[in-house]
Protein backbone atom coordinates (compact mmCIF):
# COMPACT_ATOMS: atom_id res chain seq x y z
CA UNK A 1 0.00 0.00 0.00
CA UNK A 2 1.22 3.52 -0.73
CA UNK A 3 2.37 5.55 2.25
CA UNK A 4 -0.26 7.85 3.74
CA UNK A 5 0.13 11.50 2.81
CA UNK A 6 0.98 13.75 5.76
CA UNK A 7 -1.02 16.88 4.96
CA UNK A 8 0.71 18.82 7.71
CA UNK A 9 3.63 19.25 5.29
CA UNK A 10 1.57 20.48 2.33
CA UNK A 11 3.85 23.51 1.94
CA UNK A 12 6.90 21.26 1.72
CA UNK A 13 5.23 19.14 -0.97
CA UNK A 14 4.47 22.32 -2.92
CA UNK A 15 8.06 23.50 -2.70
CA UNK A 16 9.38 20.13 -3.81
CA UNK A 17 6.97 20.27 -6.75
CA UNK A 18 8.57 23.56 -7.79
CA UNK A 19 12.08 22.10 -7.49
CA UNK A 20 11.11 19.12 -9.65
CA UNK A 21 9.44 21.42 -12.19
CA UNK A 22 12.54 23.60 -12.46
CA UNK A 23 14.89 20.64 -12.66
CA UNK A 24 12.89 19.30 -15.61
CA UNK A 25 12.59 22.56 -17.53
CA UNK A 26 15.68 24.59 -16.61
CA UNK A 27 18.45 22.02 -16.19
CA UNK A 28 20.55 23.72 -18.87
CA UNK A 29 20.22 27.19 -17.29
CA UNK A 30 20.83 26.41 -13.63
CA UNK A 31 23.93 27.66 -11.84
CA UNK A 32 26.10 25.21 -9.94
CA UNK A 33 24.70 26.56 -6.65
CA UNK A 34 21.11 26.04 -7.83
CA UNK A 35 21.79 22.51 -9.09
CA UNK A 36 23.46 21.61 -5.80
CA UNK A 37 20.52 22.99 -3.81
CA UNK A 38 17.92 21.07 -5.85
CA UNK A 39 19.93 17.85 -5.53
CA UNK A 40 20.65 18.23 -1.80
CA UNK A 41 17.29 19.40 -0.50
CA UNK A 42 15.25 16.13 -0.82
CA UNK A 43 17.83 14.15 1.16
CA UNK A 44 17.66 16.30 4.29
CA UNK A 45 15.57 15.33 7.35
CA UNK A 46 11.86 15.99 6.93
CA UNK A 47 11.53 18.52 9.76
CA UNK A 48 14.66 20.38 8.60
CA UNK A 49 13.26 20.75 5.11
CA UNK A 50 9.95 21.85 6.57
CA UNK A 51 11.61 24.49 8.76
CA UNK A 52 13.59 25.81 5.80
CA UNK A 53 10.43 26.23 3.71
CA UNK A 54 8.51 27.79 6.60
CA UNK A 55 11.21 30.44 7.03
CA UNK A 56 11.64 30.95 3.30
CA UNK A 57 7.92 31.72 2.94
CA UNK A 58 8.03 34.39 5.65
CA UNK A 59 9.33 37.93 5.41
CA UNK A 60 12.92 38.76 6.20
CA UNK A 61 16.05 36.70 6.68
CA UNK A 62 16.39 36.64 10.49
CA UNK A 63 14.20 34.44 12.71
CA UNK A 64 13.99 34.05 16.48
CA UNK A 65 13.48 30.43 17.47
CA UNK A 66 10.65 31.43 19.82
CA UNK A 67 8.73 32.68 16.78
CA UNK A 68 9.14 29.40 14.88
CA UNK A 69 6.38 27.50 16.64
CA UNK A 70 5.18 24.76 14.26
CA UNK A 71 3.73 21.58 15.85
CA UNK A 72 4.70 19.37 12.91
CA UNK A 73 8.34 20.52 13.18
CA UNK A 74 8.88 20.50 16.93
CA UNK A 75 12.15 21.96 18.23
CA UNK A 76 13.18 24.51 15.59
CA UNK A 77 16.80 24.66 16.73
CA UNK A 78 17.25 20.90 16.39
CA UNK A 79 15.67 21.03 12.93
CA UNK A 80 17.86 23.98 11.95
CA UNK A 81 21.12 22.31 12.93
CA UNK A 82 20.60 19.53 10.39
CA UNK A 83 20.59 22.06 7.55
CA UNK A 84 23.84 22.80 5.67
CA UNK A 85 25.80 25.65 7.25
CA UNK A 86 25.86 27.73 4.03
CA UNK A 87 22.06 27.69 4.04
CA UNK A 88 21.38 28.67 7.64
CA UNK A 89 23.51 30.36 10.28
CA UNK A 90 23.14 30.94 14.02
CA UNK A 91 23.68 34.12 16.03
CA UNK A 92 24.31 36.45 13.06
CA UNK A 93 25.98 39.83 13.34
CA UNK A 94 23.41 42.64 13.39
CA UNK A 95 23.44 46.39 13.07
CA UNK A 96 21.53 48.51 15.55
CA UNK A 97 18.76 48.98 12.96
CA UNK A 98 18.46 45.23 12.40
CA UNK A 99 18.28 44.64 16.13
CA UNK A 100 15.41 47.11 16.46
CA UNK A 101 13.49 45.28 13.74
CA UNK A 102 13.69 42.03 15.71
CA UNK A 103 13.51 42.99 19.39
CA UNK A 104 10.51 44.23 21.33
CA UNK A 105 10.47 47.60 23.02
CA UNK A 106 10.68 46.12 26.58
CA UNK A 107 13.70 44.07 25.49
CA UNK A 108 15.38 47.18 24.10
CA UNK A 109 14.66 49.21 27.24
CA UNK A 110 16.19 46.43 29.34
CA UNK A 111 19.12 45.86 26.96
CA UNK A 112 20.21 49.50 26.89
CA UNK A 113 19.20 50.30 30.48
CA UNK A 114 17.13 53.24 29.28
CA UNK A 115 16.00 55.68 31.93
CA UNK A 116 12.42 56.34 32.94
CA UNK A 117 12.29 59.43 30.70
CA UNK A 118 12.74 57.31 27.57
CA UNK A 119 10.38 54.48 28.45
CA UNK A 120 7.28 56.23 26.98
CA UNK A 121 9.10 56.91 23.68
CA UNK A 122 8.29 55.00 20.51
CA UNK A 123 10.78 52.51 19.09
CA UNK A 124 11.63 54.87 16.23
CA UNK A 125 12.43 57.61 18.76
CA UNK A 126 14.57 55.27 20.83
CA UNK A 127 16.48 54.28 17.71
CA UNK A 128 17.28 57.91 16.92
CA UNK A 129 18.53 58.46 20.47
CA UNK A 130 20.78 55.38 20.44
CA UNK A 131 22.17 56.22 17.01
CA UNK A 132 23.81 59.27 18.56
CA UNK A 133 25.98 57.07 20.80
CA UNK A 134 29.17 55.93 18.98
CA UNK A 135 29.24 52.84 21.21
CA UNK A 136 26.30 51.43 19.28
CA UNK A 137 27.71 52.04 15.80
CA UNK A 138 29.53 48.69 15.68
CA UNK A 139 27.57 45.65 14.50
CA UNK A 140 27.71 42.65 16.82
CA UNK A 141 26.12 39.18 17.22
CA UNK A 142 22.55 38.90 18.47
CA UNK A 143 23.73 37.18 21.66
CA UNK A 144 25.94 40.16 22.49
CA UNK A 145 23.18 42.68 21.94
CA UNK A 146 20.70 40.73 24.10
CA UNK A 147 22.95 38.77 26.43
CA UNK A 148 20.14 37.65 28.73
CA UNK A 149 17.84 36.40 25.95
CA UNK A 150 17.22 32.67 25.64
CA UNK A 151 16.32 32.86 21.97
CA UNK A 152 18.71 31.72 19.29
CA UNK A 153 18.59 33.88 16.18
CA UNK A 154 18.71 32.03 12.85
CA UNK A 155 19.88 33.60 9.61
CA UNK A 156 18.39 32.23 6.38
CA UNK A 157 21.11 32.72 3.77
CA UNK A 158 19.37 31.26 0.74
CA UNK A 159 16.53 33.75 0.23
CA UNK A 160 18.10 35.17 -2.95
CA UNK A 161 18.51 31.66 -4.38
CA UNK A 162 14.91 30.79 -3.54
CA UNK A 163 13.74 34.02 -5.15
CA UNK A 164 15.56 32.99 -8.34
CA UNK A 165 13.86 29.60 -8.24
CA UNK A 166 10.50 31.28 -7.66
CA UNK A 167 11.21 33.55 -10.63
CA UNK A 168 11.99 30.59 -12.89
CA UNK A 169 8.78 28.84 -11.89
CA UNK A 170 6.34 31.77 -12.12
CA UNK A 171 8.18 33.85 -14.72
CA UNK A 172 7.78 36.86 -12.41
CA UNK A 173 8.42 37.94 -8.81
CA UNK A 174 4.90 39.26 -8.34
CA UNK A 175 3.52 35.81 -7.53
CA UNK A 176 4.71 33.89 -4.51
CA UNK A 177 4.30 30.58 -2.70
CA UNK A 178 0.84 31.55 -1.41
CA UNK A 179 -0.49 30.71 -4.89
CA UNK A 180 -0.28 27.03 -3.95
CA UNK A 181 -2.16 27.56 -0.70
CA UNK A 182 -4.92 29.60 -2.32
CA UNK A 183 -5.29 26.98 -5.05
CA UNK A 184 -5.35 24.13 -2.51
CA UNK A 185 -8.09 25.92 -0.57
CA UNK A 186 -10.10 26.42 -3.76
CA UNK A 187 -9.99 30.21 -3.43
CA UNK A 188 -8.18 30.55 -6.76
CA UNK A 189 -8.80 28.09 -9.59
CA UNK A 190 -6.99 28.22 -12.90
CA UNK A 191 -7.60 26.99 -16.42
CA UNK A 192 -5.67 23.82 -17.15
CA UNK A 193 -3.36 24.39 -20.09
CA UNK A 194 -1.85 21.52 -22.05
CA UNK A 195 1.52 23.21 -22.46
CA UNK A 196 4.57 21.17 -23.40
CA UNK A 197 6.75 19.66 -20.63
CA UNK A 198 9.63 21.85 -21.83
CA UNK A 199 7.59 25.07 -21.67
CA UNK A 200 9.35 27.75 -19.65
CA UNK A 201 9.35 31.51 -19.21
CA UNK A 202 13.04 32.18 -19.81
CA UNK A 203 15.10 31.08 -22.77
CA UNK A 204 18.58 31.80 -21.41
CA UNK A 205 20.45 32.47 -18.20
CA UNK A 206 20.96 36.02 -19.41
CA UNK A 207 17.17 36.48 -19.45
CA UNK A 208 17.01 35.52 -15.78
CA UNK A 209 19.88 37.80 -14.81
CA UNK A 210 18.43 40.72 -16.79
CA UNK A 211 15.03 40.25 -15.16
CA UNK A 212 16.58 40.32 -11.68
CA UNK A 213 18.54 43.45 -12.55
CA UNK A 214 15.46 45.23 -13.88
CA UNK A 215 13.49 44.14 -10.83
CA UNK A 216 16.15 45.52 -8.47
CA UNK A 217 16.10 48.88 -10.29
CA UNK A 218 12.30 48.90 -10.18
CA UNK A 219 12.36 48.23 -6.44
CA UNK A 220 14.69 51.18 -5.96
CA UNK A 221 12.34 53.39 -7.99
CA UNK A 222 9.33 52.43 -5.88
CA UNK A 223 11.39 52.86 -2.71
CA UNK A 224 11.92 56.50 -3.67
CA UNK A 225 15.54 56.46 -4.83
CA UNK A 226 16.51 59.49 -6.91
CA UNK A 227 16.05 58.81 -10.65
CA UNK A 228 19.50 60.26 -11.30
CA UNK A 229 20.96 57.50 -9.10
CA UNK A 230 18.91 54.68 -10.63
CA UNK A 231 19.45 55.55 -14.29
CA UNK A 232 23.20 54.81 -14.59
CA UNK A 233 22.79 51.45 -12.83
CA UNK A 234 19.82 50.58 -15.02
CA UNK A 235 21.64 51.36 -18.25
CA UNK A 236 24.89 49.69 -17.18
CA UNK A 237 23.44 46.19 -17.56
CA UNK A 238 21.59 46.68 -20.85
CA UNK A 239 23.16 44.35 -23.44
CA UNK A 240 24.72 45.85 -26.53
CA UNK A 241 22.01 46.26 -29.15
CA UNK A 242 19.29 46.04 -26.50
CA UNK A 243 17.32 43.05 -25.25
CA UNK A 244 16.56 40.24 -27.69
CA UNK A 245 13.67 39.21 -25.46
CA UNK A 246 10.58 41.32 -26.21
CA UNK A 247 9.12 40.69 -22.78
CA UNK A 248 12.25 41.98 -21.00
CA UNK A 249 12.48 44.88 -23.43
CA UNK A 250 8.96 45.93 -22.48
CA UNK A 251 9.88 45.88 -18.78
CA UNK A 252 12.92 48.03 -19.50
CA UNK A 253 10.86 50.45 -21.58
CA UNK A 254 8.25 50.79 -18.86
CA UNK A 255 10.83 51.52 -16.17
CA UNK A 256 12.51 54.10 -18.43
CA UNK A 257 9.10 55.69 -18.95
CA UNK A 258 8.60 55.90 -15.19
CA UNK A 259 12.03 57.47 -14.74
CA UNK A 260 11.16 59.97 -17.46
CA UNK A 261 8.04 60.92 -15.52
CA UNK A 262 10.17 61.35 -12.38
CA UNK A 263 12.57 63.67 -14.22
CA UNK A 264 9.57 65.63 -15.48
CA UNK A 265 8.34 66.16 -11.92
CA UNK A 266 11.79 67.52 -11.11
CA UNK A 267 11.49 69.77 -14.19
CA UNK A 268 14.72 68.29 -15.53
CA UNK A 269 13.42 68.56 -19.07
CA UNK A 270 16.64 67.62 -20.86
CA UNK A 271 17.11 64.43 -18.87
CA UNK A 272 13.44 63.54 -19.21
CA UNK A 273 13.71 63.94 -22.98
CA UNK A 274 16.77 61.69 -23.16
CA UNK A 275 15.11 58.99 -21.07
CA UNK A 276 11.85 59.06 -23.04
CA UNK A 277 13.80 58.85 -26.28
CA UNK A 278 15.36 55.59 -25.08
CA UNK A 279 11.95 54.08 -24.23
CA UNK A 280 9.48 52.46 -26.60
CA UNK A 281 6.80 52.23 -23.94
CA UNK A 282 3.41 53.46 -25.18
CA UNK A 283 3.15 57.17 -24.44
CA UNK A 284 6.90 57.88 -24.34
CA UNK A 285 6.89 59.60 -27.73
CA UNK A 286 3.99 61.87 -26.80
CA UNK A 287 5.74 62.75 -23.54
CA UNK A 288 8.88 63.60 -25.54
CA UNK A 289 6.84 66.09 -27.57
CA UNK A 290 5.60 67.67 -24.36
CA UNK A 291 9.10 67.86 -22.85
CA UNK A 292 10.48 69.47 -26.00
CA UNK A 293 7.68 71.99 -25.75
CA UNK A 294 8.60 72.68 -22.11
CA UNK A 295 12.17 73.41 -23.22
CA UNK A 296 10.95 75.89 -25.82
CA UNK A 297 12.14 73.65 -28.65
CA UNK A 298 8.95 74.12 -30.59
CA UNK A 299 10.37 73.20 -34.00
CA UNK A 300 11.71 69.86 -32.78
CA UNK A 301 8.49 69.18 -30.90
CA UNK A 302 6.39 69.96 -33.98
CA UNK A 303 8.52 67.76 -36.25
CA UNK A 304 8.24 64.80 -33.87
CA UNK A 305 4.51 65.41 -33.48
CA UNK A 306 3.93 65.37 -37.23
CA UNK A 307 5.96 62.18 -37.64
CA UNK A 308 3.99 60.55 -34.83
CA UNK A 309 0.64 61.59 -36.29
CA UNK A 310 1.54 59.95 -39.59
CA UNK A 311 1.89 56.61 -37.76
CA UNK A 312 0.45 56.83 -34.24
CA UNK A 313 1.23 53.92 -31.97
CA UNK A 314 -2.38 53.79 -30.77
CA UNK A 315 -5.50 55.90 -30.28
CA UNK A 316 -4.27 57.19 -26.93
CA UNK A 317 -1.14 58.70 -28.47
CA UNK A 318 -3.09 60.26 -31.31
CA UNK A 319 -5.51 61.81 -28.83
CA UNK A 320 -2.65 63.34 -26.81
CA UNK A 321 -0.87 64.65 -29.90
CA UNK A 322 -3.99 66.32 -31.28
CA UNK A 323 -4.33 68.13 -27.96
CA UNK A 324 -0.78 69.53 -28.22
CA UNK A 325 -0.87 70.37 -31.93
CA UNK A 326 -2.77 73.72 -31.68
CA UNK A 327 -0.34 75.06 -29.06
CA UNK A 328 2.72 74.22 -31.14
CA UNK A 329 1.10 75.73 -34.23
CA UNK A 330 0.55 79.01 -32.37
CA UNK A 331 4.13 79.06 -31.10
CA UNK A 332 5.50 78.57 -34.63
CA UNK A 333 3.06 80.95 -36.32
CA UNK A 334 1.46 78.13 -38.30
CA UNK A 335 -2.22 78.13 -39.16
CA UNK A 336 -4.22 76.16 -36.61
CA UNK A 337 -4.69 72.52 -37.58
CA UNK A 338 -8.13 71.54 -38.75
CA UNK A 339 -10.22 70.14 -35.95
CA UNK A 340 -11.89 66.81 -36.41
CA UNK A 341 -15.61 66.78 -35.91
CA UNK A 342 -16.26 64.89 -32.69
CA UNK A 343 -19.08 62.34 -32.82
CA UNK A 344 -22.19 63.56 -31.04
CA UNK A 345 -22.78 61.75 -27.77
CA UNK A 346 -26.20 62.15 -26.19
CA UNK A 347 -26.21 64.16 -22.96
CA UNK A 348 -28.42 63.53 -19.95
CA UNK A 349 -28.70 66.03 -17.08
CA UNK A 350 -30.08 65.02 -13.70
CA UNK A 351 -30.56 66.85 -10.41
CA UNK A 352 -31.03 64.37 -7.57
CA UNK A 353 -30.85 64.42 -3.76
CA UNK A 354 -27.50 63.50 -2.29
CA UNK A 355 -27.63 60.12 -0.55
CA UNK A 356 -23.97 59.62 0.33
CA UNK A 357 -23.66 56.87 -2.28
CA UNK A 358 -21.45 56.84 -5.36
CA UNK A 359 -22.88 58.93 -8.20
CA UNK A 360 -23.17 55.82 -10.38
CA UNK A 361 -25.36 54.09 -7.81
CA UNK A 362 -27.54 57.18 -7.37
CA UNK A 363 -28.20 57.36 -11.11
CA UNK A 364 -28.72 53.60 -11.29
CA UNK A 365 -31.39 53.76 -8.58
CA UNK A 366 -33.09 56.72 -10.30
CA UNK A 367 -33.30 54.97 -13.70
CA UNK A 368 -34.09 51.52 -12.37
CA UNK A 369 -37.46 50.00 -13.24
CA UNK A 370 -38.88 46.52 -13.73
CA UNK A 371 -39.24 46.91 -17.50
CA UNK A 372 -35.74 48.36 -17.94
CA UNK A 373 -33.24 47.14 -15.32
CA UNK A 374 -29.96 49.03 -14.93
CA UNK A 375 -26.64 47.42 -13.99
CA UNK A 376 -23.48 49.07 -12.70
CA UNK A 377 -20.83 47.30 -14.76
CA UNK A 378 -18.00 49.73 -15.62
CA UNK A 379 -15.57 47.63 -17.71
CA UNK A 380 -16.69 44.26 -16.36
CA UNK A 381 -19.49 43.33 -18.78
CA UNK A 382 -17.83 44.16 -22.08
CA UNK A 383 -14.53 42.54 -21.15
CA UNK A 384 -16.35 39.48 -19.76
CA UNK A 385 -18.32 39.03 -22.99
CA UNK A 386 -15.05 39.24 -24.90
CA UNK A 387 -13.29 36.88 -22.47
CA UNK A 388 -16.06 34.28 -22.55
CA UNK A 389 -16.53 34.37 -26.31
CA UNK A 390 -12.78 34.18 -27.00
CA UNK A 391 -11.80 31.91 -24.08
CA UNK A 392 -10.26 29.25 -26.32
CA UNK A 393 -8.16 31.79 -28.21
CA UNK A 394 -6.97 33.55 -25.05
CA UNK A 395 -5.94 30.28 -23.41
CA UNK A 396 -4.41 28.72 -26.51
CA UNK A 397 -1.18 26.94 -25.52
CA UNK A 398 1.15 28.89 -27.80
CA UNK A 399 4.92 28.75 -27.15
CA UNK A 400 5.90 31.23 -24.46
CA UNK A 401 2.32 32.04 -23.47
CA UNK A 402 1.82 29.53 -20.64
CA UNK A 403 4.49 27.83 -18.58
CA UNK A 404 3.13 27.26 -15.06
CA UNK A 405 -0.27 26.25 -13.65
CA UNK A 406 -1.12 29.57 -11.93
CA UNK A 407 -1.66 31.92 -14.87
CA UNK A 408 -4.74 34.14 -15.22
CA UNK A 409 -3.90 34.68 -18.87
CA UNK A 410 -1.08 34.43 -21.39
CA UNK A 411 2.28 36.00 -20.61
CA UNK A 412 2.19 37.93 -23.89
CA UNK A 413 -1.23 39.51 -23.25
CA UNK A 414 0.06 43.06 -23.76
CA UNK A 415 2.49 42.27 -26.56
CA UNK A 416 2.01 44.03 -29.87
CA UNK A 417 1.58 40.68 -31.63
CA UNK A 418 -0.89 39.20 -29.12
CA UNK A 419 -3.73 39.17 -31.68
CA UNK A 420 -1.54 38.34 -34.66
CA UNK A 421 -0.13 35.21 -32.99
CA UNK A 422 -3.69 33.94 -32.45
CA UNK A 423 -5.37 35.36 -35.52
CA UNK A 424 -6.96 32.10 -36.64
CA UNK A 425 -8.13 31.23 -33.12
CA UNK A 426 -9.74 34.65 -32.64
CA UNK A 427 -11.28 34.51 -36.12
CA UNK A 428 -13.03 31.24 -35.22
CA UNK A 429 -14.36 32.73 -31.99
CA UNK A 430 -15.59 35.96 -33.59
CA UNK A 431 -17.24 34.02 -36.44
CA UNK A 432 -19.84 32.89 -33.90
CA UNK A 433 -21.10 36.47 -33.87
CA UNK A 434 -21.78 36.20 -37.59
CA UNK A 435 -23.70 32.92 -37.53
CA UNK A 436 -25.61 33.59 -34.30
CA UNK A 437 -24.02 30.80 -32.27
CA UNK A 438 -22.32 33.25 -29.89
CA UNK A 439 -25.27 33.26 -27.47
CA UNK A 440 -25.00 29.54 -26.75
CA UNK A 441 -21.19 29.56 -26.85
CA UNK A 442 -20.85 32.35 -24.27
CA UNK A 443 -23.33 30.78 -21.86
CA UNK A 444 -21.69 27.37 -22.24
CA UNK A 445 -18.31 28.87 -21.42
CA UNK A 446 -19.79 30.71 -18.45
CA UNK A 447 -21.20 27.46 -17.06
CA UNK A 448 -18.06 25.44 -17.73
CA UNK A 449 -15.48 27.99 -16.54
CA UNK A 450 -17.33 29.71 -13.70
CA UNK A 451 -14.83 30.90 -11.09
CA UNK A 452 -11.64 30.17 -13.05
CA UNK A 453 -9.10 32.98 -12.96
CA UNK A 454 -9.17 35.10 -16.10
CA UNK A 455 -7.59 38.34 -17.24
CA UNK A 456 -10.93 39.43 -18.69
CA UNK A 457 -13.72 37.91 -16.61
CA UNK A 458 -14.40 39.41 -13.17
CA UNK A 459 -16.84 36.81 -11.85
CA UNK A 460 -17.91 38.92 -8.87
CA UNK A 461 -19.37 41.51 -11.25
CA UNK A 462 -21.10 38.96 -13.44
CA UNK A 463 -24.15 36.78 -12.99
CA UNK A 464 -26.04 34.61 -15.43
CA UNK A 465 -29.26 36.64 -15.41
CA UNK A 466 -27.42 39.78 -16.50
CA UNK A 467 -25.42 37.81 -19.05
CA UNK A 468 -28.55 36.34 -20.64
CA UNK A 469 -30.15 39.78 -20.74
CA UNK A 470 -27.05 41.28 -22.35
CA UNK A 471 -26.96 38.62 -25.06
CA UNK A 472 -30.64 39.18 -25.82
CA UNK A 473 -30.40 42.97 -25.96
CA UNK A 474 -26.95 43.76 -27.40
CA UNK A 475 -26.76 43.17 -31.17
CA UNK A 476 -24.05 40.76 -32.27
CA UNK A 477 -22.66 43.45 -34.57
CA UNK A 478 -22.08 45.75 -31.59
CA UNK A 479 -20.45 43.01 -29.56
CA UNK A 480 -18.15 42.21 -32.46
CA UNK A 481 -17.07 45.84 -32.67
CA UNK A 482 -16.27 45.81 -28.96
CA UNK A 483 -14.17 42.68 -29.35
CA UNK A 484 -12.27 44.00 -32.35
CA UNK A 485 -11.44 47.23 -30.55
CA UNK A 486 -10.19 45.39 -27.47
CA UNK A 487 -7.95 43.29 -29.72
CA UNK A 488 -6.52 46.41 -31.36
CA UNK A 489 -4.89 47.43 -28.08
CA UNK A 490 -5.63 45.20 -25.09
CA UNK A 491 -3.77 47.38 -22.58
CA UNK A 492 -5.61 50.60 -23.48
CA UNK A 493 -8.98 49.39 -24.70
CA UNK A 494 -9.98 47.02 -21.93
CA UNK A 495 -10.98 50.05 -19.84
CA UNK A 496 -12.97 53.21 -20.42
CA UNK A 497 -16.40 51.63 -20.95
CA UNK A 498 -19.45 53.52 -19.62
CA UNK A 499 -20.43 52.90 -16.00
CA UNK A 500 -24.02 51.73 -16.44
CA UNK A 501 -25.93 49.62 -18.90
CA UNK A 502 -29.73 49.53 -19.17
CA UNK A 503 -31.69 46.81 -20.89
CA UNK A 504 -35.21 46.68 -22.33
CA UNK A 505 -35.66 42.89 -22.66
CA UNK A 506 -39.12 43.13 -24.22
CA UNK A 507 -37.76 45.40 -26.94
CA UNK A 508 -34.36 43.70 -27.20
CA UNK A 509 -32.43 46.94 -26.92
CA UNK A 510 -29.98 48.60 -24.54
CA UNK A 511 -28.10 51.80 -23.78
CA UNK A 512 -24.83 52.60 -22.04
CA UNK A 513 -24.49 55.52 -19.62
CA UNK A 514 -21.33 57.20 -18.40
CA UNK A 515 -21.98 59.05 -15.12
CA UNK A 516 -20.18 62.21 -14.07
CA UNK A 517 -20.76 63.89 -10.74
CA UNK A 518 -20.26 67.57 -9.88
CA UNK A 519 -16.83 68.77 -11.00
CA UNK A 520 -15.90 65.45 -12.62
CA UNK A 521 -14.87 65.22 -16.26
CA UNK A 522 -14.40 62.52 -18.87
CA UNK A 523 -11.08 60.73 -18.84
CA UNK A 524 -9.17 60.21 -22.07
CA UNK A 525 -9.96 56.49 -22.38
CA UNK A 526 -13.64 57.21 -21.69
CA UNK A 527 -13.70 59.84 -24.43
CA UNK A 528 -12.22 57.38 -26.88
CA UNK A 529 -14.79 54.67 -26.10
CA UNK A 530 -17.69 57.14 -26.24
CA UNK A 531 -16.51 58.41 -29.61
CA UNK A 532 -16.10 54.86 -30.92
CA UNK A 533 -19.60 53.89 -29.82
CA UNK A 534 -21.10 57.07 -31.26
CA UNK A 535 -19.33 56.57 -34.61
CA UNK A 536 -20.86 53.10 -34.86
CA UNK A 537 -24.35 54.22 -33.82
CA UNK A 538 -24.33 52.43 -30.50
CA UNK A 539 -26.75 53.83 -27.89
CA UNK A 540 -24.55 55.71 -25.44
CA UNK A 541 -24.95 58.84 -23.35
CA UNK A 542 -23.19 60.85 -20.67
CA UNK A 543 -25.18 61.67 -17.56
CA UNK A 544 -24.12 64.81 -15.70
CA UNK A 545 -25.42 64.65 -12.15
CA UNK A 546 -25.91 67.65 -9.88
CA UNK A 547 -27.05 67.46 -6.28
CA UNK A 548 -30.40 68.98 -5.43
CA UNK A 549 -30.26 71.82 -2.86
CA UNK A 550 -31.09 70.68 0.63
CA UNK A 551 -34.48 71.76 1.89
CA UNK A 552 -34.39 74.66 4.33
């Protein structure tokens, strides 16, 4: 008989699954240290492996044994001492700041024999006081800082290695080991993809190293480091000729775009221009035009604007450029550019009592009636209809799209060739809108995939009654136009839909309503969707809500 599974060590089983997965798919890319770790780990005592994984899944690298209370492991110190010394150390040397992160305030008061005047102070205040004393500037072992403490402090030295293994498995550092737990509990369920056993997110060791470098620079940016300090380090590791991996190139371009924005905030126009020029992230070219304008280089700004308008990267860039064009024309003494006639979008004005609710919900309640129900959907309904109709195309097991079992969608979702790589698959899905089979296909997918993680379907916003009503009231031709526009630019066009949708089931018709409260205005992506719907004669309106004066 097979041995009984000990579910107390579920986390250890999950970690071993990752090691086996990586060994199968990345054997040719692993460093000697990583190969040795994967080979050594399974042969260690059970409780030692369990302790290692427990610590690895927690924050930080230092752990007090009194905080490692796991019934299935028992004595943490005994389990720790069976681990290889390079993996885990005892009584590490700590700075004063590291000590404060680990010790409690009473322990610190006792350790430093602080007087009564300092006892009410916060830990941060105590740290500032002790920093002034040169005697505390020298780092020392935990046992010397807290000589009377019975705890042993453990130092996990393999967190960086485990982060690299996690990166190889998930293809990113955004996801972590909790994915396994959430999946085991049934909180997150994923589509099962029949990807090849050799499928993996990285093609070379250089890809892994470049990702880690970009991630470190990104972390510094979000931590508030000065962009002038980050930029040289970021550029130092860029390979000659740029990245040959489009996915990594897009990460680089996005970070450069963010640094450009930071330089703009500092009004360092020249540096912002140089950084934007080195980025191909959507919007960087339009920002370059703006920065040139800020520098008074109107001729250069106008030339770049005209070149961009001849081949705009997307609707968002074109919209931004057309907004700048009249200003540059005035500065250069050119005749004003001809204005495009904006499609007419129906306007609705309402004056309603303030209830303390969101303006969308106030308008929804006002318009609601049995014959014409109103739903607050924002982007959820349109993207869900697209996601359900095109489920098979989105989850097609193309090379490089799926490589681990916890993906909400393909890794290349925002790539420029996302649609092109799946053109035939999407064509088959969209053809259902032409022959009328989309109604049955969407409902069948809803029933079969309910609750599975998806980049397009937010199940909490969707229910079958609303879905059926939408399919009965929204013409297939309109739904097809929505799908085609989303596919033109997934990143930009999956948002900006009107807030509300109202159905008249008996008449098989609908209308969309964007709601704006007092002082609010249409965002750029909302303007683009409204114009698109109006151009194609879809029923859409903007409701401007004002609050009724309170009764005296």
